[in-house]
Amino acid sequence: MKHSFIWQGRNDGEGAAHLRIHQVINTQAHASYALIGFGSDEGVKRNKGRLGAADAPDAIRAQLANLPVHQPLSIADLGTVMCVDGDLEKAQAELADQVEDCLCSGSQPIILGGGHEVAFGSFSGLFQYIQKHQPDQKIGIINFDAHFDLREAERVSSGTPFLNAAHLSAQYQQEFHYLCIGVAKHANTQVLFETADRLNCTYIYDQALRETHLDAIMLKMNQFIEKVDVLYVTVDLDVFSASIAPGVSAPAVKGIDLSVFDPLFQAIKNTGKIKVLDVAECNPRFDLDNRTAKLAAYIIFNYLFDQ
């Protein structure tokens, strides 16, 4: 684990009403929430994408630092899992162990990606924990993403994590429950739709994600959530319009709006079923005015605090 980020920022005065996140972060004590960075874009490289996401964890931390604390908060920063010498498989295994350890200690892990290869590490950690401690619990994956990430490939990449998760589930005779919200038809080949259908995945097209359709979307999403006991939620920032998320490997032509994402995300949070959250594909190398890193921090802020 790499521990190089220095939490610092504005100090507006004494007392809890002035606190910002950088003032309540700790690196050692047990906490309700635990930040884990995943410094990898090796999966993006293998998937022929734009490199730079390995630098995302600290870029997101920097945007989180000055956000206000609106209620008592216990949050730890456990550092960043690094992908060394292109050994993505080792990095994913290390992340999985970190996630499992957090869950065992009672902390809710929030992972800062990194390419979307982070997803298999996040899922594996939750899967390991459930298998050992709550084997009767069903895991559901909710992925906000323009892409299915169900590619068949010789090696894991940012395009394979949910097929990897499906294979891991099958290996232990567990059901695979996967909901992808924001699927762009122009960004997925026909074989990916066939794979999603074969695995009985649920998906909602980006074209359907409008405020006027929220009731129908909520119904479909809630029907999925009711089938499972715990949730792993992952937000690939390329699901959003490039106007608010320019710093990603594959910027969206259309993308979804926060006016739709926010109520969906809040509804998922309100179920109390989220065990693991990650935010993926922030790429500081291509960001403009830190818009994408700010978006990642905004999503995490809304997860941490009541809205």
Protein backbone atom coordinates (compact mmCIF):
# COMPACT_ATOMS: atom_id res chain seq x y z
CA MET A 1 0.00 0.00 0.00
CA LYS A 2 1.22 3.46 -0.89
CA HIS A 3 0.73 6.25 1.68
CA SER A 4 1.92 9.47 0.07
CA PHE A 5 -1.09 11.79 0.02
CA ILE A 6 -1.07 14.62 2.57
CA TRP A 7 -4.56 15.67 3.64
CA GLN A 8 -4.67 19.45 3.85
CA GLY A 9 -6.97 22.33 3.01
CA ARG A 10 -8.87 25.29 4.38
CA ASN A 11 -9.36 25.76 8.09
CA ASP A 12 -12.26 28.14 8.74
CA GLY A 13 -12.22 28.07 12.53
CA GLU A 14 -12.74 26.01 15.64
CA GLY A 15 -15.68 23.70 16.27
CA ALA A 16 -17.55 20.97 14.43
CA ALA A 17 -19.56 23.41 12.31
CA HIS A 18 -16.37 24.52 10.53
CA LEU A 19 -14.99 21.06 9.76
CA ARG A 20 -13.94 19.89 6.32
CA ILE A 21 -13.11 16.33 5.31
CA HIS A 22 -9.33 16.81 5.48
CA GLN A 23 -9.73 17.59 9.19
CA VAL A 24 -11.51 14.36 10.11
CA ILE A 25 -9.51 11.84 8.06
CA ASN A 26 -7.31 9.40 9.95
CA THR A 27 -4.90 6.78 8.69
CA GLN A 28 -4.86 4.31 11.57
CA ALA A 29 -7.96 4.18 13.76
CA HIS A 30 -11.03 2.08 13.01
CA ALA A 31 -13.65 4.11 11.14
CA SER A 32 -17.16 3.75 9.77
CA TYR A 33 -15.84 4.39 6.26
CA ALA A 34 -12.48 3.55 4.71
CA LEU A 35 -11.00 5.06 1.56
CA ILE A 36 -8.83 2.74 -0.53
CA GLY A 37 -7.11 3.97 -3.67
CA PHE A 38 -6.52 1.71 -6.65
CA GLY A 39 -3.64 3.12 -8.68
CA SER A 40 -3.99 1.16 -11.90
CA ASP A 41 -4.63 1.74 -15.56
CA GLU A 42 -3.05 -1.54 -16.64
CA GLY A 43 -6.54 -2.87 -17.40
CA VAL A 44 -7.23 0.19 -19.54
CA LYS A 45 -3.95 -0.41 -21.35
CA ARG A 46 -4.91 -4.03 -22.04
CA ASN A 47 -8.29 -2.78 -23.28
CA LYS A 48 -6.62 -0.31 -25.68
CA GLY A 49 -7.87 2.75 -23.78
CA ARG A 50 -6.34 6.10 -22.82
CA LEU A 51 -3.85 5.86 -19.97
CA GLY A 52 -3.79 8.11 -16.91
CA ALA A 53 -6.35 6.63 -14.51
CA ALA A 54 -3.58 5.31 -12.25
CA ASP A 55 -3.22 8.87 -10.96
CA ALA A 56 -6.90 9.18 -10.04
CA PRO A 57 -6.89 8.25 -6.33
CA ASP A 58 -4.93 11.30 -5.19
CA ALA A 59 -6.77 13.58 -7.64
CA ILE A 60 -10.05 12.51 -6.05
CA ARG A 61 -8.63 12.85 -2.54
CA ALA A 62 -7.59 16.43 -3.36
CA GLN A 63 -11.16 17.29 -4.33
CA LEU A 64 -12.61 15.55 -1.28
CA ALA A 65 -10.30 17.35 1.12
CA ASN A 66 -12.11 20.71 1.26
CA LEU A 67 -15.67 19.40 1.18
CA PRO A 68 -17.62 20.24 4.35
CA VAL A 69 -18.56 17.81 7.09
CA HIS A 70 -22.30 18.13 7.79
CA GLN A 71 -22.67 15.43 10.42
CA PRO A 72 -20.33 13.40 12.67
CA LEU A 73 -18.08 11.36 10.41
CA SER A 74 -15.54 8.62 11.05
CA ILE A 75 -13.42 8.02 7.96
CA ALA A 76 -9.99 6.49 7.42
CA ASP A 77 -7.64 6.63 4.46
CA LEU A 78 -5.92 3.26 4.10
CA GLY A 79 -3.67 4.31 1.22
CA THR A 80 -3.49 3.14 -2.38
CA VAL A 81 -3.05 -0.33 -3.84
CA MET A 82 -0.57 0.07 -6.69
CA CYS A 83 -0.31 -2.01 -9.82
CA VAL A 84 3.42 -2.73 -10.01
CA ASP A 85 5.17 -3.90 -13.19
CA GLY A 86 1.86 -4.50 -14.94
CA ASP A 87 0.83 -7.25 -12.51
CA LEU A 88 -2.87 -6.38 -12.48
CA GLU A 89 -3.94 -9.76 -11.15
CA LYS A 90 -1.79 -9.28 -8.05
CA ALA A 91 -3.13 -5.76 -7.53
CA GLN A 92 -6.72 -6.97 -7.80
CA ALA A 93 -6.04 -9.71 -5.26
CA GLU A 94 -4.46 -7.19 -2.87
CA LEU A 95 -7.46 -4.88 -3.25
CA ALA A 96 -9.82 -7.80 -2.60
CA ASP A 97 -8.01 -8.58 0.65
CA GLN A 98 -8.15 -4.93 1.72
CA VAL A 99 -11.90 -4.79 1.01
CA GLU A 100 -12.48 -8.02 2.93
CA ASP A 101 -10.44 -6.74 5.89
CA CYS A 102 -12.50 -3.53 5.97
CA LEU A 103 -15.76 -5.44 6.00
CA CYS A 104 -14.48 -7.74 8.74
CA SER A 105 -13.61 -4.72 10.89
CA GLY A 106 -17.01 -3.10 10.35
CA SER A 107 -15.86 -0.39 7.94
CA GLN A 108 -17.57 0.36 4.64
CA PRO A 109 -14.92 0.51 1.91
CA ILE A 110 -14.99 3.27 -0.70
CA ILE A 111 -12.54 2.56 -3.49
CA LEU A 112 -11.04 5.33 -5.61
CA GLY A 113 -10.21 4.13 -9.12
CA GLY A 114 -8.34 3.75 -11.26
CA GLY A 115 -9.43 1.92 -14.39
CA HIS A 116 -12.60 -0.14 -14.21
CA GLU A 117 -10.47 -3.21 -13.63
CA VAL A 118 -10.91 -2.03 -10.04
CA ALA A 119 -14.36 -3.64 -10.16
CA PHE A 120 -13.15 -7.22 -10.05
CA GLY A 121 -10.99 -6.46 -7.01
CA SER A 122 -13.88 -4.72 -5.25
CA PHE A 123 -16.33 -7.51 -6.05
CA SER A 124 -13.86 -10.23 -5.09
CA GLY A 125 -13.32 -8.67 -1.68
CA LEU A 126 -17.05 -8.57 -0.99
CA PHE A 127 -17.45 -12.08 -2.39
CA GLN A 128 -14.70 -13.43 -0.10
CA TYR A 129 -16.31 -11.78 2.91
CA ILE A 130 -19.81 -13.09 2.13
CA GLN A 131 -18.55 -16.62 1.46
CA LYS A 132 -16.83 -16.74 4.86
CA HIS A 133 -19.29 -14.88 7.05
CA GLN A 134 -22.73 -14.70 5.40
CA PRO A 135 -22.86 -17.50 2.81
CA ASP A 136 -26.65 -17.33 2.55
CA GLN A 137 -26.56 -13.69 1.39
CA LYS A 138 -27.03 -12.87 -2.30
CA ILE A 139 -24.78 -10.21 -3.83
CA GLY A 140 -26.12 -7.77 -6.38
CA ILE A 141 -23.92 -5.62 -8.60
CA ILE A 142 -25.19 -2.23 -9.76
CA ASN A 143 -22.92 -0.69 -12.37
CA PHE A 144 -23.53 2.83 -13.66
CA ASP A 145 -21.73 2.53 -16.98
CA ALA A 146 -22.02 3.11 -20.70
CA HIS A 147 -20.38 -0.29 -21.20
CA PHE A 148 -21.29 -3.80 -20.04
CA ASP A 149 -17.64 -4.71 -19.32
CA LEU A 150 -18.47 -8.35 -20.04
CA ARG A 151 -15.72 -8.96 -22.58
CA GLU A 152 -14.28 -12.41 -23.12
CA ALA A 153 -10.49 -12.08 -23.11
CA GLU A 154 -7.37 -14.07 -22.30
CA ARG A 155 -6.37 -11.64 -19.54
CA VAL A 156 -8.37 -9.48 -17.16
CA SER A 157 -8.77 -5.86 -18.22
CA SER A 158 -11.02 -2.85 -17.70
CA GLY A 159 -13.42 -4.49 -20.15
CA THR A 160 -13.76 -7.86 -18.38
CA PRO A 161 -14.56 -7.31 -14.66
CA PHE A 162 -18.18 -8.40 -14.65
CA LEU A 163 -17.59 -11.49 -16.73
CA ASN A 164 -14.80 -12.27 -14.27
CA ALA A 165 -17.34 -11.77 -11.46
CA ALA A 166 -19.82 -14.06 -13.22
CA HIS A 167 -17.16 -16.77 -13.55
CA LEU A 168 -16.19 -16.43 -9.87
CA SER A 169 -19.83 -16.73 -8.84
CA ALA A 170 -20.31 -19.84 -10.99
CA GLN A 171 -17.15 -21.39 -9.55
CA TYR A 172 -18.81 -21.34 -6.11
CA GLN A 173 -22.28 -22.22 -7.42
CA GLN A 174 -23.56 -18.73 -6.59
CA GLU A 175 -26.16 -16.79 -8.55
CA PHE A 176 -24.90 -13.82 -10.57
CA HIS A 177 -27.02 -10.68 -10.20
CA TYR A 178 -25.92 -7.75 -12.37
CA LEU A 179 -27.71 -4.50 -13.23
CA CYS A 180 -26.02 -2.10 -15.66
CA ILE A 181 -27.53 1.39 -15.77
CA GLY A 182 -26.65 3.69 -18.66
CA VAL A 183 -25.80 1.19 -21.39
CA ALA A 184 -25.03 2.94 -24.68
CA LYS A 185 -26.02 0.83 -27.65
CA HIS A 186 -23.34 2.42 -29.83
CA ALA A 187 -20.65 1.54 -27.27
CA ASN A 188 -21.28 -2.23 -27.00
CA THR A 189 -21.03 -4.91 -29.67
CA GLN A 190 -23.82 -7.36 -30.34
CA VAL A 191 -21.87 -10.15 -28.66
CA LEU A 192 -21.85 -8.14 -25.41
CA PHE A 193 -25.63 -7.87 -25.50
CA GLU A 194 -25.80 -11.61 -26.15
CA THR A 195 -23.49 -12.26 -23.20
CA ALA A 196 -25.59 -10.02 -20.96
CA ASP A 197 -28.75 -11.85 -22.00
CA ARG A 198 -27.14 -15.27 -21.54
CA LEU A 199 -26.14 -14.31 -17.98
CA ASN A 200 -29.66 -12.96 -17.29
CA CYS A 201 -28.30 -9.48 -16.63
CA THR A 202 -30.65 -6.54 -16.21
CA TYR A 203 -29.82 -3.35 -18.08
CA ILE A 204 -31.22 0.10 -18.73
CA TYR A 205 -30.23 2.10 -21.81
CA ASP A 206 -28.80 5.59 -21.53
CA GLN A 207 -31.58 6.80 -23.84
CA ALA A 208 -34.17 5.81 -21.21
CA LEU A 209 -32.48 7.73 -18.40
CA ARG A 210 -34.61 10.86 -18.39
CA GLU A 211 -36.32 12.64 -15.54
CA THR A 212 -39.70 11.95 -17.13
CA HIS A 213 -38.96 8.20 -16.97
CA LEU A 214 -37.73 8.11 -13.36
CA ASP A 215 -40.72 6.22 -11.94
CA ALA A 216 -40.33 3.38 -14.46
CA ILE A 217 -36.57 3.26 -13.93
CA MET A 218 -36.98 3.18 -10.15
CA LEU A 219 -39.44 0.31 -10.46
CA LYS A 220 -37.04 -1.76 -12.57
CA MET A 221 -34.13 -0.96 -10.27
CA ASN A 222 -36.08 -1.77 -7.11
CA GLN A 223 -37.23 -5.09 -8.56
CA PHE A 224 -33.57 -5.99 -9.02
CA ILE A 225 -32.58 -4.81 -5.53
CA GLU A 226 -35.37 -6.83 -3.89
CA LYS A 227 -33.82 -10.05 -5.23
CA VAL A 228 -30.52 -9.55 -3.39
CA ASP A 229 -29.32 -9.02 0.17
CA VAL A 230 -26.22 -6.87 -0.27
CA LEU A 231 -25.00 -4.53 -3.00
CA TYR A 232 -21.73 -3.66 -4.63
CA VAL A 233 -22.22 -0.33 -6.42
CA THR A 234 -19.70 0.87 -8.98
CA VAL A 235 -19.81 4.16 -10.86
CA ASP A 236 -17.82 4.31 -14.09
CA LEU A 237 -17.54 8.03 -14.73
CA ASP A 238 -17.81 7.51 -18.49
CA VAL A 239 -21.54 7.00 -17.93
CA PHE A 240 -21.86 10.79 -17.66
CA SER A 241 -21.82 13.39 -20.40
CA ALA A 242 -18.33 14.43 -21.47
CA SER A 243 -19.30 17.99 -20.50
CA ILE A 244 -19.13 17.06 -16.81
CA ALA A 245 -16.78 14.06 -17.08
CA PRO A 246 -14.18 14.85 -19.76
CA GLY A 247 -11.38 13.09 -17.88
CA VAL A 248 -12.16 9.45 -18.62
CA SER A 249 -10.72 6.78 -20.88
CA ALA A 250 -13.78 6.78 -23.18
CA PRO A 251 -15.71 10.09 -23.03
CA ALA A 252 -19.44 9.73 -23.62
CA VAL A 253 -21.09 11.15 -26.72
CA LYS A 254 -24.40 11.44 -24.88
CA GLY A 255 -24.10 10.26 -21.30
CA ILE A 256 -26.55 10.65 -18.44
CA ASP A 257 -27.30 13.72 -16.35
CA LEU A 258 -26.88 14.21 -12.63
CA SER A 259 -30.57 15.11 -12.47
CA VAL A 260 -31.25 11.42 -13.18
CA PHE A 261 -28.24 9.87 -11.47
CA ASP A 262 -28.71 11.62 -8.13
CA PRO A 263 -32.19 10.29 -7.28
CA LEU A 264 -31.25 6.79 -8.46
CA PHE A 265 -28.08 6.76 -6.39
CA GLN A 266 -29.91 8.15 -3.36
CA ALA A 267 -32.61 5.48 -3.68
CA ILE A 268 -29.97 2.75 -3.77
CA LYS A 269 -28.23 4.24 -0.73
CA ASN A 270 -31.52 4.44 1.16
CA THR A 271 -32.00 0.67 0.90
CA GLY A 272 -29.13 0.23 3.37
CA LYS A 273 -27.82 -2.66 1.29
CA ILE A 274 -24.63 -1.09 -0.07
CA LYS A 275 -21.57 -2.86 1.32
CA VAL A 276 -18.94 -1.63 -1.15
CA LEU A 277 -18.78 1.46 -3.36
CA ASP A 278 -16.20 2.36 -5.94
CA VAL A 279 -15.79 5.20 -8.43
CA ALA A 280 -13.82 4.29 -11.54
CA GLU A 281 -12.17 5.63 -14.68
CA CYS A 282 -11.29 9.12 -13.49
CA ASN A 283 -8.34 10.11 -15.69
CA PRO A 284 -6.58 13.28 -14.46
CA ARG A 285 -4.40 13.37 -17.57
CA PHE A 286 -7.41 14.32 -19.69
CA ASP A 287 -9.46 16.21 -17.11
CA LEU A 288 -10.46 19.87 -17.52
CA ASP A 289 -10.51 22.12 -14.45
CA ASN A 290 -10.63 18.94 -12.33
CA ARG A 291 -14.27 18.45 -13.40
CA THR A 292 -14.13 14.66 -13.37
CA ALA A 293 -12.26 14.43 -10.07
CA LYS A 294 -14.78 16.88 -8.59
CA LEU A 295 -17.62 14.71 -9.89
CA ALA A 296 -16.09 11.64 -8.23
CA ALA A 297 -15.75 13.57 -4.96
CA TYR A 298 -19.35 14.79 -5.26
CA ILE A 299 -20.63 11.22 -5.61
CA ILE A 300 -18.63 10.10 -2.58
CA PHE A 301 -19.81 13.13 -0.58
CA ASN A 302 -23.44 12.22 -1.32
CA TYR A 303 -22.73 8.68 -0.16
CA LEU A 304 -21.16 9.83 3.10
CA PHE A 305 -23.77 12.38 4.12
CA ASP A 306 -27.55 12.47 4.34
CA GLN A 307 -29.12 14.46 1.52
